[in-house]
């Protein structure tokens, strides 16, 4: 197994962890925001684990970006444009939003405001990630939504 295959497997498998944590964090934050609940240490830990998992995914993705044959395809082709520009741009934006949401939740003191910051920024990141997945399926017909045909 070569470096590319290892990175591809890590990036492909880790996405489920990131996605699951992000969905749980968004639901949790929406519940806390709309239900005016206290912000617990468990909430903070979930947000931090989501943040860390997203940053680990970014590291796998950046490594993969430089060794993947998909990024060698011409940008004039939809599949090449997606992998070289759209995928990386959208995913970096999503991770930036997750980072901002976590940071904002640490800076405010009001529990509801903490939940609100996480719900908004993590929620926007989730929308971008799901959009990127749909764009991937459209650009690369050999791919399916999270491997589900």
C-alpha atoms as a PDB file:
ATOM      1  CA  UNK A   1       0.000   0.000   0.000  1.00  0.00           C
ATOM      2  CA  UNK A   2       1.484   3.365  -1.001  1.00  0.00           C
ATOM      3  CA  UNK A   3       1.211   6.790   0.653  1.00  0.00           C
ATOM      4  CA  UNK A   4      -1.628   7.889  -1.651  1.00  0.00           C
ATOM      5  CA  UNK A   5      -3.730   4.835  -0.818  1.00  0.00           C
ATOM      6  CA  UNK A   6      -3.136   5.286   2.919  1.00  0.00           C
ATOM      7  CA  UNK A   7      -4.158   8.962   2.790  1.00  0.00           C
ATOM      8  CA  UNK A   8      -7.163   8.190   0.606  1.00  0.00           C
ATOM      9  CA  UNK A   9      -8.360   5.487   3.017  1.00  0.00           C
ATOM     10  CA  UNK A  10      -7.810   7.734   6.041  1.00  0.00           C
ATOM     11  CA  UNK A  11      -9.579  10.691   4.407  1.00  0.00           C
ATOM     12  CA  UNK A  12     -12.447   8.509   3.176  1.00  0.00           C
ATOM     13  CA  UNK A  13     -12.988   6.814   6.530  1.00  0.00           C
ATOM     14  CA  UNK A  14     -12.504   9.845   8.763  1.00  0.00           C
ATOM     15  CA  UNK A  15     -15.247  11.762   6.920  1.00  0.00           C
ATOM     16  CA  UNK A  16     -17.890   9.664   8.685  1.00  0.00           C
ATOM     17  CA  UNK A  17     -16.545  10.703  12.081  1.00  0.00           C
ATOM     18  CA  UNK A  18     -16.472  14.383  11.092  1.00  0.00           C
ATOM     19  CA  UNK A  19     -19.952  14.240   9.585  1.00  0.00           C
ATOM     20  CA  UNK A  20     -21.482  12.394  12.552  1.00  0.00           C
ATOM     21  CA  UNK A  21     -19.900  14.742  15.113  1.00  0.00           C
ATOM     22  CA  UNK A  22     -20.947  17.793  13.102  1.00  0.00           C
ATOM     23  CA  UNK A  23     -24.567  16.631  12.809  1.00  0.00           C
ATOM     24  CA  UNK A  24     -24.715  15.812  16.531  1.00  0.00           C
ATOM     25  CA  UNK A  25     -23.104  19.160  17.455  1.00  0.00           C
ATOM     26  CA  UNK A  26     -25.555  21.121  15.277  1.00  0.00           C
ATOM     27  CA  UNK A  27     -28.592  19.301  16.689  1.00  0.00           C
ATOM     28  CA  UNK A  28     -27.248  19.750  20.224  1.00  0.00           C
ATOM     29  CA  UNK A  29     -26.569  23.461  19.667  1.00  0.00           C
ATOM     30  CA  UNK A  30     -29.979  24.074  18.100  1.00  0.00           C
ATOM     31  CA  UNK A  31     -31.602  22.315  21.036  1.00  0.00           C
ATOM     32  CA  UNK A  32     -29.604  24.412  23.497  1.00  0.00           C
ATOM     33  CA  UNK A  33     -30.265  27.661  21.630  1.00  0.00           C
ATOM     34  CA  UNK A  34     -33.977  27.199  21.009  1.00  0.00           C
ATOM     35  CA  UNK A  35     -34.561  25.492  24.356  1.00  0.00           C
ATOM     36  CA  UNK A  36     -32.553  28.145  26.225  1.00  0.00           C
ATOM     37  CA  UNK A  37     -30.498  25.445  27.954  1.00  0.00           C
ATOM     38  CA  UNK A  38     -27.306  25.836  29.928  1.00  0.00           C
ATOM     39  CA  UNK A  39     -24.006  25.312  28.167  1.00  0.00           C
ATOM     40  CA  UNK A  40     -22.360  22.315  29.797  1.00  0.00           C
ATOM     41  CA  UNK A  41     -18.857  20.946  29.747  1.00  0.00           C
ATOM     42  CA  UNK A  42     -20.259  18.137  27.600  1.00  0.00           C
ATOM     43  CA  UNK A  43     -21.376  20.721  25.032  1.00  0.00           C
ATOM     44  CA  UNK A  44     -17.913  22.259  25.017  1.00  0.00           C
ATOM     45  CA  UNK A  45     -16.231  18.870  24.620  1.00  0.00           C
ATOM     46  CA  UNK A  46     -18.514  17.880  21.730  1.00  0.00           C
ATOM     47  CA  UNK A  47     -17.687  21.138  19.954  1.00  0.00           C
ATOM     48  CA  UNK A  48     -13.958  20.693  20.527  1.00  0.00           C
ATOM     49  CA  UNK A  49     -14.037  17.067  19.318  1.00  0.00           C
ATOM     50  CA  UNK A  50     -15.910  18.219  16.213  1.00  0.00           C
ATOM     51  CA  UNK A  51     -13.332  20.955  15.652  1.00  0.00           C
ATOM     52  CA  UNK A  52     -10.393  18.580  16.116  1.00  0.00           C
ATOM     53  CA  UNK A  53     -11.894  15.912  13.854  1.00  0.00           C
ATOM     54  CA  UNK A  54     -12.460  18.513  11.120  1.00  0.00           C
ATOM     55  CA  UNK A  55      -8.861  19.738  11.392  1.00  0.00           C
ATOM     56  CA  UNK A  56      -7.531  16.176  11.216  1.00  0.00           C
ATOM     57  CA  UNK A  57      -9.653  15.667   8.096  1.00  0.00           C
ATOM     58  CA  UNK A  58      -8.166  18.853   6.661  1.00  0.00           C
ATOM     59  CA  UNK A  59      -4.645  17.510   7.211  1.00  0.00           C
ATOM     60  CA  UNK A  60      -5.527  14.236   5.485  1.00  0.00           C
ATOM     61  CA  UNK A  61      -7.134  16.203   2.657  1.00  0.00           C
ATOM     62  CA  UNK A  62      -4.198  18.567   2.176  1.00  0.00           C
ATOM     63  CA  UNK A  63      -1.804  15.640   1.998  1.00  0.00           C
ATOM     64  CA  UNK A  64      -4.087  13.918  -0.468  1.00  0.00           C
ATOM     65  CA  UNK A  65      -4.416  17.076  -2.551  1.00  0.00           C
ATOM     66  CA  UNK A  66      -0.718  17.021  -3.380  1.00  0.00           C
ATOM     67  CA  UNK A  67      -0.456  13.320  -4.259  1.00  0.00           C
ATOM     68  CA  UNK A  68      -3.848  12.505  -5.802  1.00  0.00           C
ATOM     69  CA  UNK A  69      -4.117  11.838  -9.525  1.00  0.00           C
ATOM     70  CA  UNK A  70      -7.521  13.572  -9.403  1.00  0.00           C
ATOM     71  CA  UNK A  71      -5.831  16.941  -8.911  1.00  0.00           C
ATOM     72  CA  UNK A  72      -3.776  16.338 -12.045  1.00  0.00           C
ATOM     73  CA  UNK A  73      -6.878  16.351 -14.286  1.00  0.00           C
ATOM     74  CA  UNK A  74      -7.314  19.500 -16.369  1.00  0.00           C
ATOM     75  CA  UNK A  75      -9.392  22.238 -14.738  1.00  0.00           C
ATOM     76  CA  UNK A  76     -11.372  22.553 -17.955  1.00  0.00           C
ATOM     77  CA  UNK A  77     -13.003  19.200 -17.173  1.00  0.00           C
ATOM     78  CA  UNK A  78     -15.745  19.256 -14.491  1.00  0.00           C
ATOM     79  CA  UNK A  79     -14.128  16.459 -12.476  1.00  0.00           C
ATOM     80  CA  UNK A  80     -10.739  18.202 -12.532  1.00  0.00           C
ATOM     81  CA  UNK A  81     -12.232  21.557 -11.577  1.00  0.00           C
ATOM     82  CA  UNK A  82     -14.184  19.974  -8.739  1.00  0.00           C
ATOM     83  CA  UNK A  83     -11.189  18.200  -7.167  1.00  0.00           C
ATOM     84  CA  UNK A  84      -8.644  20.966  -7.798  1.00  0.00           C
ATOM     85  CA  UNK A  85     -10.731  23.979  -6.826  1.00  0.00           C
ATOM     86  CA  UNK A  86     -14.273  23.451  -5.623  1.00  0.00           C
ATOM     87  CA  UNK A  87     -13.811  20.609  -3.149  1.00  0.00           C
ATOM     88  CA  UNK A  88     -10.806  22.064  -1.356  1.00  0.00           C
ATOM     89  CA  UNK A  89     -12.284  25.597  -1.294  1.00  0.00           C
ATOM     90  CA  UNK A  90     -15.606  24.480   0.133  1.00  0.00           C
ATOM     91  CA  UNK A  91     -14.069  22.190   2.715  1.00  0.00           C
ATOM     92  CA  UNK A  92     -11.574  24.804   3.918  1.00  0.00           C
ATOM     93  CA  UNK A  93     -14.445  27.293   4.193  1.00  0.00           C
ATOM     94  CA  UNK A  94     -16.453  24.764   6.224  1.00  0.00           C
ATOM     95  CA  UNK A  95     -13.523  24.179   8.585  1.00  0.00           C
ATOM     96  CA  UNK A  96     -12.979  27.930   8.957  1.00  0.00           C
ATOM     97  CA  UNK A  97     -16.670  28.282   9.915  1.00  0.00           C
ATOM     98  CA  UNK A  98     -16.351  25.464  12.469  1.00  0.00           C
ATOM     99  CA  UNK A  99     -13.285  27.157  13.931  1.00  0.00           C
ATOM    100  CA  UNK A 100     -15.034  30.543  14.117  1.00  0.00           C
ATOM    101  CA  UNK A 101     -18.113  28.990  15.724  1.00  0.00           C
ATOM    102  CA  UNK A 102     -16.052  27.264  18.373  1.00  0.00           C
ATOM    103  CA  UNK A 103     -14.048  30.426  19.033  1.00  0.00           C
ATOM    104  CA  UNK A 104     -17.151  32.624  19.315  1.00  0.00           C
ATOM    105  CA  UNK A 105     -18.765  30.171  21.707  1.00  0.00           C
ATOM    106  CA  UNK A 106     -15.735  30.475  23.993  1.00  0.00           C
ATOM    107  CA  UNK A 107     -15.764  34.286  23.957  1.00  0.00           C
ATOM    108  CA  UNK A 108     -19.366  34.869  24.998  1.00  0.00           C
ATOM    109  CA  UNK A 109     -20.535  34.237  28.540  1.00  0.00           C
ATOM    110  CA  UNK A 110     -24.271  33.720  27.987  1.00  0.00           C
ATOM    111  CA  UNK A 111     -25.142  30.018  27.557  1.00  0.00           C
ATOM    112  CA  UNK A 112     -27.793  30.637  24.902  1.00  0.00           C
ATOM    113  CA  UNK A 113     -25.367  32.834  22.922  1.00  0.00           C
ATOM    114  CA  UNK A 114     -22.798  30.004  23.053  1.00  0.00           C
ATOM    115  CA  UNK A 115     -25.320  27.547  21.628  1.00  0.00           C
ATOM    116  CA  UNK A 116     -26.408  30.101  19.021  1.00  0.00           C
ATOM    117  CA  UNK A 117     -22.843  30.681  17.777  1.00  0.00           C
ATOM    118  CA  UNK A 118     -22.227  26.957  17.426  1.00  0.00           C
ATOM    119  CA  UNK A 119     -25.603  26.331  15.782  1.00  0.00           C
ATOM    120  CA  UNK A 120     -25.091  29.068  13.189  1.00  0.00           C
ATOM    121  CA  UNK A 121     -21.448  28.478  12.279  1.00  0.00           C
ATOM    122  CA  UNK A 122     -21.415  24.688  12.543  1.00  0.00           C
ATOM    123  CA  UNK A 123     -24.775  24.626  10.722  1.00  0.00           C
ATOM    124  CA  UNK A 124     -23.398  26.703   7.845  1.00  0.00           C
ATOM    125  CA  UNK A 125     -20.393  24.372   7.674  1.00  0.00           C
ATOM    126  CA  UNK A 126     -22.722  21.368   7.522  1.00  0.00           C
ATOM    127  CA  UNK A 127     -24.706  22.930   4.665  1.00  0.00           C
ATOM    128  CA  UNK A 128     -21.488  23.615   2.737  1.00  0.00           C
ATOM    129  CA  UNK A 129     -20.224  20.061   3.278  1.00  0.00           C
ATOM    130  CA  UNK A 130     -23.492  18.505   2.123  1.00  0.00           C
ATOM    131  CA  UNK A 131     -23.508  20.852  -0.884  1.00  0.00           C
ATOM    132  CA  UNK A 132     -19.953  19.828  -1.739  1.00  0.00           C
ATOM    133  CA  UNK A 133     -20.945  16.171  -1.577  1.00  0.00           C
ATOM    134  CA  UNK A 134     -23.825  16.771  -3.988  1.00  0.00           C
ATOM    135  CA  UNK A 135     -21.464  18.677  -6.301  1.00  0.00           C
ATOM    136  CA  UNK A 136     -19.020  15.760  -6.162  1.00  0.00           C
ATOM    137  CA  UNK A 137     -21.700  13.275  -7.207  1.00  0.00           C
ATOM    138  CA  UNK A 138     -22.618  15.568 -10.105  1.00  0.00           C
ATOM    139  CA  UNK A 139     -19.005  16.208 -11.217  1.00  0.00           C
ATOM    140  CA  UNK A 140     -17.864  12.599 -10.799  1.00  0.00           C
ATOM    141  CA  UNK A 141     -20.632  10.103 -11.729  1.00  0.00           C
ATOM    142  CA  UNK A 142     -18.490   7.221 -10.443  1.00  0.00           C
ATOM    143  CA  UNK A 143     -18.965   8.584  -6.893  1.00  0.00           C
ATOM    144  CA  UNK A 144     -22.055   8.261  -4.736  1.00  0.00           C
ATOM    145  CA  UNK A 145     -23.411  10.185  -1.759  1.00  0.00           C
ATOM    146  CA  UNK A 146     -21.308   8.853   1.142  1.00  0.00           C
ATOM    147  CA  UNK A 147     -20.740   5.613  -0.741  1.00  0.00           C
ATOM    148  CA  UNK A 148     -24.451   4.833  -0.824  1.00  0.00           C
ATOM    149  CA  UNK A 149     -25.774   3.961  -4.283  1.00  0.00           C
END
